[in-house]
Amino acid sequence: MRALKKLRSGCPIATSLDIFGDRWTLVIMRDLAMGKTRFGDLSQSPERIPTNVLADRLLRLEEFGLIEKSAYQEHPIRYDYAPTEKGAELLPVLQAVCKWANKHLPDTWKTPEKFLSMKPSDLTAKKTDN
């Protein structure tokens, strides 16, 4: 496993942005919250994240404890990804960003009510329901 990147300060906002402040990480967390679990599904999002960037961000999210992976195939090894409790607690942040964008950026897609009504516990409960 690679060494975790040093965080630039003790400021909660700066530190959080060091973890999920790039252009792709919250999109990945959104897709995981909406039920996508596999690399191929995540790579097919409308934003078309490059696969090398997706692989890097999944590794980073795992290193920081926001997601976990479990093998669903051995040869070749392939994984399902799911938010951890720590990662699921980002859901209200994602919902707040969606509400803000829908209010202030007129060309954004209307956020699905299903997404806005979810609770962090809904994301971690999916793992135990299978």
N, C-alpha and C. Protein backbone atom coordinates (compact mmCIF):
# COMPACT_ATOMS: atom_id res chain seq x y z
N MET A 1 0.85 -1.18 0.00
CA MET A 1 0.00 0.00 0.00
C MET A 1 0.88 1.23 0.00
N ARG A 2 0.51 2.25 -0.76
CA ARG A 2 1.31 3.47 -0.81
C ARG A 2 1.13 4.29 0.45
N ALA A 3 2.07 5.15 0.73
CA ALA A 3 2.01 6.00 1.93
C ALA A 3 0.92 7.05 1.73
N LEU A 4 0.20 7.35 2.80
CA LEU A 4 -0.83 8.37 2.73
C LEU A 4 -0.19 9.73 2.52
N LYS A 5 -0.81 10.53 1.69
CA LYS A 5 -0.34 11.88 1.42
C LYS A 5 -0.43 12.71 2.70
N LYS A 6 0.60 13.49 2.95
CA LYS A 6 0.59 14.37 4.12
C LYS A 6 -0.48 15.44 3.92
N LEU A 7 -1.23 15.70 4.95
CA LEU A 7 -2.26 16.72 4.89
C LEU A 7 -1.61 18.08 5.14
N ARG A 8 -2.09 19.12 4.47
CA ARG A 8 -1.39 20.40 4.46
C ARG A 8 -1.55 21.26 5.69
N SER A 9 -2.58 21.02 6.50
CA SER A 9 -2.74 21.83 7.71
C SER A 9 -3.72 21.14 8.65
N GLY A 10 -3.95 21.75 9.79
CA GLY A 10 -4.91 21.23 10.75
C GLY A 10 -6.30 21.78 10.55
N CYS A 11 -6.48 22.67 9.59
CA CYS A 11 -7.79 23.26 9.33
C CYS A 11 -8.75 22.17 8.86
N PRO A 12 -9.92 22.03 9.49
CA PRO A 12 -10.85 20.97 9.08
C PRO A 12 -11.27 21.06 7.62
N ILE A 13 -11.45 22.26 7.09
CA ILE A 13 -11.86 22.40 5.69
C ILE A 13 -10.71 22.00 4.78
N ALA A 14 -9.51 22.54 5.03
CA ALA A 14 -8.35 22.21 4.18
C ALA A 14 -8.04 20.72 4.24
N THR A 15 -8.10 20.14 5.42
CA THR A 15 -7.81 18.72 5.57
C THR A 15 -8.83 17.87 4.83
N SER A 16 -10.10 18.23 4.95
CA SER A 16 -11.14 17.49 4.24
C SER A 16 -10.96 17.60 2.73
N LEU A 17 -10.62 18.79 2.26
CA LEU A 17 -10.40 18.98 0.83
C LEU A 17 -9.19 18.21 0.34
N ASP A 18 -8.19 18.00 1.21
CA ASP A 18 -7.05 17.16 0.84
C ASP A 18 -7.51 15.74 0.52
N ILE A 19 -8.57 15.30 1.16
CA ILE A 19 -9.06 13.93 0.98
C ILE A 19 -10.07 13.85 -0.17
N PHE A 20 -11.03 14.76 -0.20
CA PHE A 20 -12.09 14.62 -1.21
C PHE A 20 -12.38 15.90 -2.00
N GLY A 21 -11.40 16.79 -2.11
CA GLY A 21 -11.63 18.06 -2.77
C GLY A 21 -11.28 18.12 -4.24
N ASP A 22 -10.91 17.01 -4.84
CA ASP A 22 -10.63 17.02 -6.27
C ASP A 22 -11.95 16.94 -7.05
N ARG A 23 -11.88 16.93 -8.36
CA ARG A 23 -13.09 16.98 -9.17
C ARG A 23 -13.82 15.64 -9.28
N TRP A 24 -13.25 14.55 -8.80
CA TRP A 24 -13.85 13.22 -9.02
C TRP A 24 -14.33 12.51 -7.77
N THR A 25 -13.72 12.75 -6.64
CA THR A 25 -13.97 11.92 -5.46
C THR A 25 -15.43 11.97 -4.99
N LEU A 26 -16.01 13.14 -4.92
CA LEU A 26 -17.41 13.21 -4.47
C LEU A 26 -18.36 12.63 -5.52
N VAL A 27 -17.98 12.67 -6.79
CA VAL A 27 -18.78 12.02 -7.84
C VAL A 27 -18.78 10.51 -7.61
N ILE A 28 -17.63 9.97 -7.27
CA ILE A 28 -17.53 8.53 -6.97
C ILE A 28 -18.38 8.20 -5.75
N MET A 29 -18.30 9.02 -4.71
CA MET A 29 -19.10 8.77 -3.51
C MET A 29 -20.60 8.87 -3.82
N ARG A 30 -20.97 9.80 -4.70
CA ARG A 30 -22.38 9.91 -5.14
C ARG A 30 -22.83 8.61 -5.80
N ASP A 31 -22.00 8.11 -6.72
CA ASP A 31 -22.37 6.90 -7.44
C ASP A 31 -22.45 5.69 -6.52
N LEU A 32 -21.54 5.60 -5.56
CA LEU A 32 -21.61 4.51 -4.58
C LEU A 32 -22.89 4.63 -3.75
N ALA A 33 -23.24 5.85 -3.38
CA ALA A 33 -24.47 6.06 -2.61
C ALA A 33 -25.70 5.64 -3.41
N MET A 34 -25.64 5.82 -4.72
CA MET A 34 -26.78 5.48 -5.58
C MET A 34 -26.78 4.01 -6.01
N GLY A 35 -25.83 3.22 -5.48
CA GLY A 35 -25.89 1.78 -5.69
C GLY A 35 -24.88 1.19 -6.65
N LYS A 36 -24.08 2.01 -7.31
CA LYS A 36 -23.03 1.44 -8.16
C LYS A 36 -21.97 0.84 -7.25
N THR A 37 -21.47 -0.33 -7.61
CA THR A 37 -20.49 -1.00 -6.75
C THR A 37 -19.24 -1.46 -7.49
N ARG A 38 -19.29 -1.51 -8.80
CA ARG A 38 -18.18 -2.09 -9.57
C ARG A 38 -17.48 -1.05 -10.41
N PHE A 39 -16.20 -1.30 -10.64
CA PHE A 39 -15.36 -0.39 -11.40
C PHE A 39 -15.99 -0.03 -12.74
N GLY A 40 -16.46 -1.01 -13.47
CA GLY A 40 -17.05 -0.76 -14.78
C GLY A 40 -18.27 0.14 -14.70
N ASP A 41 -19.09 -0.04 -13.68
CA ASP A 41 -20.27 0.81 -13.50
C ASP A 41 -19.86 2.24 -13.15
N LEU A 42 -18.87 2.35 -12.26
CA LEU A 42 -18.39 3.68 -11.86
C LEU A 42 -17.78 4.42 -13.05
N SER A 43 -17.11 3.70 -13.92
CA SER A 43 -16.46 4.33 -15.08
C SER A 43 -17.46 4.79 -16.13
N GLN A 44 -18.71 4.34 -16.04
CA GLN A 44 -19.73 4.70 -17.03
C GLN A 44 -20.61 5.87 -16.60
N SER A 45 -20.25 6.55 -15.53
CA SER A 45 -21.03 7.70 -15.10
C SER A 45 -21.03 8.78 -16.18
N PRO A 46 -22.02 9.65 -16.19
CA PRO A 46 -22.09 10.68 -17.24
C PRO A 46 -20.85 11.57 -17.31
N GLU A 47 -20.15 11.71 -16.21
CA GLU A 47 -18.97 12.58 -16.18
C GLU A 47 -17.75 11.93 -16.83
N ARG A 48 -17.83 10.61 -17.08
CA ARG A 48 -16.78 9.86 -17.78
C ARG A 48 -15.39 10.03 -17.15
N ILE A 49 -15.27 9.65 -15.91
CA ILE A 49 -13.98 9.70 -15.23
C ILE A 49 -12.99 8.78 -15.94
N PRO A 50 -11.79 9.27 -16.24
CA PRO A 50 -10.79 8.39 -16.85
C PRO A 50 -10.48 7.20 -15.93
N THR A 51 -10.30 6.03 -16.51
CA THR A 51 -10.14 4.82 -15.69
C THR A 51 -8.89 4.87 -14.80
N ASN A 52 -7.81 5.49 -15.26
CA ASN A 52 -6.63 5.59 -14.41
C ASN A 52 -6.90 6.48 -13.20
N VAL A 53 -7.68 7.53 -13.39
CA VAL A 53 -8.04 8.42 -12.28
C VAL A 53 -9.00 7.70 -11.34
N LEU A 54 -9.96 6.97 -11.89
CA LEU A 54 -10.90 6.20 -11.07
C LEU A 54 -10.15 5.21 -10.19
N ALA A 55 -9.21 4.48 -10.75
CA ALA A 55 -8.43 3.51 -9.97
C ALA A 55 -7.68 4.21 -8.85
N ASP A 56 -7.08 5.35 -9.15
CA ASP A 56 -6.34 6.11 -8.14
C ASP A 56 -7.27 6.60 -7.03
N ARG A 57 -8.42 7.13 -7.40
CA ARG A 57 -9.34 7.67 -6.39
C ARG A 57 -9.93 6.56 -5.52
N LEU A 58 -10.23 5.42 -6.12
CA LEU A 58 -10.73 4.29 -5.30
C LEU A 58 -9.68 3.86 -4.28
N LEU A 59 -8.44 3.80 -4.70
CA LEU A 59 -7.36 3.45 -3.78
C LEU A 59 -7.24 4.49 -2.68
N ARG A 60 -7.31 5.73 -3.04
CA ARG A 60 -7.21 6.83 -2.06
C ARG A 60 -8.37 6.78 -1.07
N LEU A 61 -9.58 6.57 -1.58
CA LEU A 61 -10.74 6.49 -0.69
C LEU A 61 -10.62 5.31 0.27
N GLU A 62 -10.09 4.21 -0.22
CA GLU A 62 -9.87 3.05 0.65
C GLU A 62 -8.81 3.36 1.70
N GLU A 63 -7.72 3.99 1.29
CA GLU A 63 -6.64 4.31 2.23
C GLU A 63 -7.12 5.23 3.35
N PHE A 64 -8.01 6.15 3.03
CA PHE A 64 -8.53 7.06 4.05
C PHE A 64 -9.74 6.49 4.79
N GLY A 65 -10.12 5.25 4.46
CA GLY A 65 -11.18 4.59 5.21
C GLY A 65 -12.59 5.01 4.84
N LEU A 66 -12.77 5.61 3.66
CA LEU A 66 -14.11 6.02 3.24
C LEU A 66 -14.86 4.94 2.49
N ILE A 67 -14.12 4.01 1.89
CA ILE A 67 -14.75 2.88 1.21
C ILE A 67 -13.99 1.61 1.58
N GLU A 68 -14.63 0.49 1.30
CA GLU A 68 -13.96 -0.81 1.43
C GLU A 68 -14.29 -1.61 0.20
N LYS A 69 -13.40 -2.54 -0.10
CA LYS A 69 -13.64 -3.38 -1.27
C LYS A 69 -13.70 -4.83 -0.85
N SER A 70 -14.45 -5.61 -1.63
CA SER A 70 -14.53 -7.04 -1.39
C SER A 70 -14.52 -7.73 -2.76
N ALA A 71 -13.75 -8.80 -2.85
CA ALA A 71 -13.60 -9.50 -4.12
C ALA A 71 -14.90 -10.21 -4.47
N TYR A 72 -15.35 -10.07 -5.70
CA TYR A 72 -16.48 -10.84 -6.18
C TYR A 72 -16.05 -11.83 -7.26
N GLN A 73 -14.77 -11.73 -7.69
CA GLN A 73 -14.23 -12.64 -8.69
C GLN A 73 -12.74 -12.80 -8.41
N GLU A 74 -12.23 -14.02 -8.55
CA GLU A 74 -10.83 -14.29 -8.22
C GLU A 74 -9.88 -14.23 -9.42
N HIS A 75 -10.30 -14.71 -10.60
CA HIS A 75 -9.40 -14.77 -11.76
C HIS A 75 -10.05 -14.12 -12.97
N PRO A 76 -9.73 -12.91 -13.34
CA PRO A 76 -8.85 -11.99 -12.61
C PRO A 76 -9.59 -11.41 -11.41
N ILE A 77 -8.84 -10.92 -10.45
CA ILE A 77 -9.46 -10.37 -9.25
C ILE A 77 -10.25 -9.10 -9.60
N ARG A 78 -11.48 -9.07 -9.14
CA ARG A 78 -12.34 -7.91 -9.35
C ARG A 78 -13.08 -7.64 -8.05
N TYR A 79 -13.41 -6.37 -7.82
CA TYR A 79 -13.95 -5.96 -6.53
C TYR A 79 -15.28 -5.23 -6.64
N ASP A 80 -16.06 -5.39 -5.58
CA ASP A 80 -17.20 -4.52 -5.30
C ASP A 80 -16.69 -3.48 -4.32
N TYR A 81 -17.18 -2.25 -4.45
CA TYR A 81 -16.80 -1.17 -3.55
C TYR A 81 -18.03 -0.68 -2.82
N ALA A 82 -17.86 -0.31 -1.56
CA ALA A 82 -18.98 0.19 -0.77
C ALA A 82 -18.48 1.20 0.25
N PRO A 83 -19.30 2.19 0.57
CA PRO A 83 -18.90 3.15 1.60
C PRO A 83 -18.79 2.48 2.96
N THR A 84 -17.80 2.89 3.72
CA THR A 84 -17.73 2.51 5.13
C THR A 84 -18.65 3.45 5.90
N GLU A 85 -18.76 3.24 7.19
CA GLU A 85 -19.55 4.16 8.00
C GLU A 85 -18.99 5.58 7.88
N LYS A 86 -17.68 5.69 7.93
CA LYS A 86 -17.00 6.98 7.78
C LYS A 86 -17.35 7.62 6.44
N GLY A 87 -17.32 6.85 5.37
CA GLY A 87 -17.67 7.36 4.05
C GLY A 87 -19.13 7.71 3.93
N ALA A 88 -19.99 6.89 4.53
CA ALA A 88 -21.44 7.14 4.47
C ALA A 88 -21.80 8.46 5.16
N GLU A 89 -20.98 8.86 6.13
CA GLU A 89 -21.25 10.12 6.83
C GLU A 89 -20.99 11.34 5.96
N LEU A 90 -20.46 11.14 4.75
CA LEU A 90 -20.35 12.24 3.78
C LEU A 90 -21.67 12.51 3.07
N LEU A 91 -22.63 11.61 3.18
CA LEU A 91 -23.89 11.76 2.47
C LEU A 91 -24.55 13.13 2.71
N PRO A 92 -24.67 13.61 3.94
CA PRO A 92 -25.29 14.94 4.13
C PRO A 92 -24.50 16.06 3.42
N VAL A 93 -23.20 15.91 3.29
CA VAL A 93 -22.40 16.89 2.55
C VAL A 93 -22.79 16.86 1.08
N LEU A 94 -22.88 15.64 0.50
CA LEU A 94 -23.29 15.50 -0.89
C LEU A 94 -24.69 16.07 -1.11
N GLN A 95 -25.60 15.79 -0.19
CA GLN A 95 -26.96 16.29 -0.32
C GLN A 95 -27.00 17.81 -0.24
N ALA A 96 -26.19 18.39 0.65
CA ALA A 96 -26.14 19.86 0.77
C ALA A 96 -25.58 20.49 -0.50
N VAL A 97 -24.57 19.89 -1.09
CA VAL A 97 -24.01 20.41 -2.34
C VAL A 97 -25.07 20.35 -3.44
N CYS A 98 -25.80 19.25 -3.50
CA CYS A 98 -26.87 19.12 -4.50
C CYS A 98 -27.94 20.20 -4.32
N LYS A 99 -28.37 20.41 -3.10
CA LYS A 99 -29.40 21.42 -2.83
C LYS A 99 -28.89 22.81 -3.20
N TRP A 100 -27.64 23.09 -2.85
CA TRP A 100 -27.06 24.39 -3.17
C TRP A 100 -27.01 24.58 -4.69
N ALA A 101 -26.53 23.58 -5.41
CA ALA A 101 -26.41 23.68 -6.87
C ALA A 101 -27.79 23.84 -7.52
N ASN A 102 -28.77 23.06 -7.06
CA ASN A 102 -30.11 23.17 -7.63
C ASN A 102 -30.71 24.56 -7.38
N LYS A 103 -30.35 25.18 -6.28
CA LYS A 103 -30.87 26.51 -5.96
C LYS A 103 -30.15 27.61 -6.74
N HIS A 104 -28.83 27.49 -6.88
CA HIS A 104 -28.03 28.60 -7.40
C HIS A 104 -27.49 28.41 -8.82
N LEU A 105 -27.54 27.20 -9.33
CA LEU A 105 -27.01 26.93 -10.67
C LEU A 105 -28.14 26.36 -11.52
N PRO A 106 -28.79 27.20 -12.28
CA PRO A 106 -30.04 26.79 -12.95
C PRO A 106 -29.92 25.65 -13.95
N ASP A 107 -28.76 25.38 -14.49
CA ASP A 107 -28.64 24.33 -15.49
C ASP A 107 -28.28 22.96 -14.90
N THR A 108 -28.26 22.84 -13.58
CA THR A 108 -27.94 21.54 -12.99
C THR A 108 -29.16 20.63 -13.02
N TRP A 109 -28.88 19.33 -13.06
CA TRP A 109 -29.95 18.33 -13.05
C TRP A 109 -30.68 18.39 -11.71
N LYS A 110 -31.98 18.15 -11.75
CA LYS A 110 -32.73 18.08 -10.49
C LYS A 110 -32.29 16.82 -9.75
N THR A 111 -31.93 17.01 -8.49
CA THR A 111 -31.46 15.90 -7.68
C THR A 111 -32.63 14.97 -7.38
N PRO A 112 -32.45 13.66 -7.60
CA PRO A 112 -33.54 12.72 -7.31
C PRO A 112 -33.95 12.76 -5.84
N GLU A 113 -35.24 12.74 -5.60
CA GLU A 113 -35.75 12.75 -4.23
C GLU A 113 -35.21 11.55 -3.44
N LYS A 114 -35.05 10.42 -4.13
CA LYS A 114 -34.50 9.23 -3.48
C LYS A 114 -33.15 9.53 -2.84
N PHE A 115 -32.31 10.26 -3.56
CA PHE A 115 -30.99 10.62 -3.05
C PHE A 115 -31.10 11.58 -1.87
N LEU A 116 -31.95 12.58 -2.00
CA LEU A 116 -32.09 13.58 -0.94
C LEU A 116 -32.69 13.00 0.34
N SER A 117 -33.46 11.93 0.22
CA SER A 117 -34.12 11.37 1.40
C SER A 117 -33.30 10.26 2.08
N MET A 118 -32.17 9.89 1.46
CA MET A 118 -31.35 8.83 2.06
C MET A 118 -30.68 9.31 3.34
N LYS A 119 -30.37 8.33 4.20
CA LYS A 119 -29.63 8.58 5.44
C LYS A 119 -28.31 7.81 5.35
N PRO A 120 -27.27 8.28 6.04
CA PRO A 120 -26.00 7.55 6.01
C PRO A 120 -26.15 6.07 6.35
N SER A 121 -27.03 5.74 7.27
CA SER A 121 -27.23 4.34 7.65
C SER A 121 -27.78 3.50 6.49
N ASP A 122 -28.45 4.14 5.53
CA ASP A 122 -28.94 3.42 4.36
C ASP A 122 -27.78 2.87 3.53
N LEU A 123 -26.67 3.58 3.51
CA LEU A 123 -25.52 3.17 2.70
C LEU A 123 -24.77 2.00 3.31
N THR A 124 -24.66 1.98 4.61
CA THR A 124 -23.96 0.87 5.25
C THR A 124 -24.87 -0.33 5.43
N ALA A 125 -26.19 -0.12 5.45
CA ALA A 125 -27.13 -1.23 5.59
C ALA A 125 -27.14 -2.09 4.34
N LYS A 126 -26.81 -1.50 3.16
CA LYS A 126 -26.80 -2.26 1.91
C LYS A 126 -25.86 -3.45 1.99
N LYS A 127 -24.75 -3.30 2.70
CA LYS A 127 -23.76 -4.38 2.80
C LYS A 127 -24.30 -5.57 3.58
N THR A 128 -25.11 -5.31 4.59
CA THR A 128 -25.61 -6.40 5.41
C THR A 128 -26.88 -7.02 4.84
N ASP A 129 -27.51 -6.33 3.86
CA ASP A 129 -28.72 -6.86 3.25
C ASP A 129 -28.43 -7.95 2.22
N ASN A 130 -27.21 -8.01 1.70
CA ASN A 130 -26.89 -8.96 0.63
C ASN A 130 -26.71 -10.36 1.15
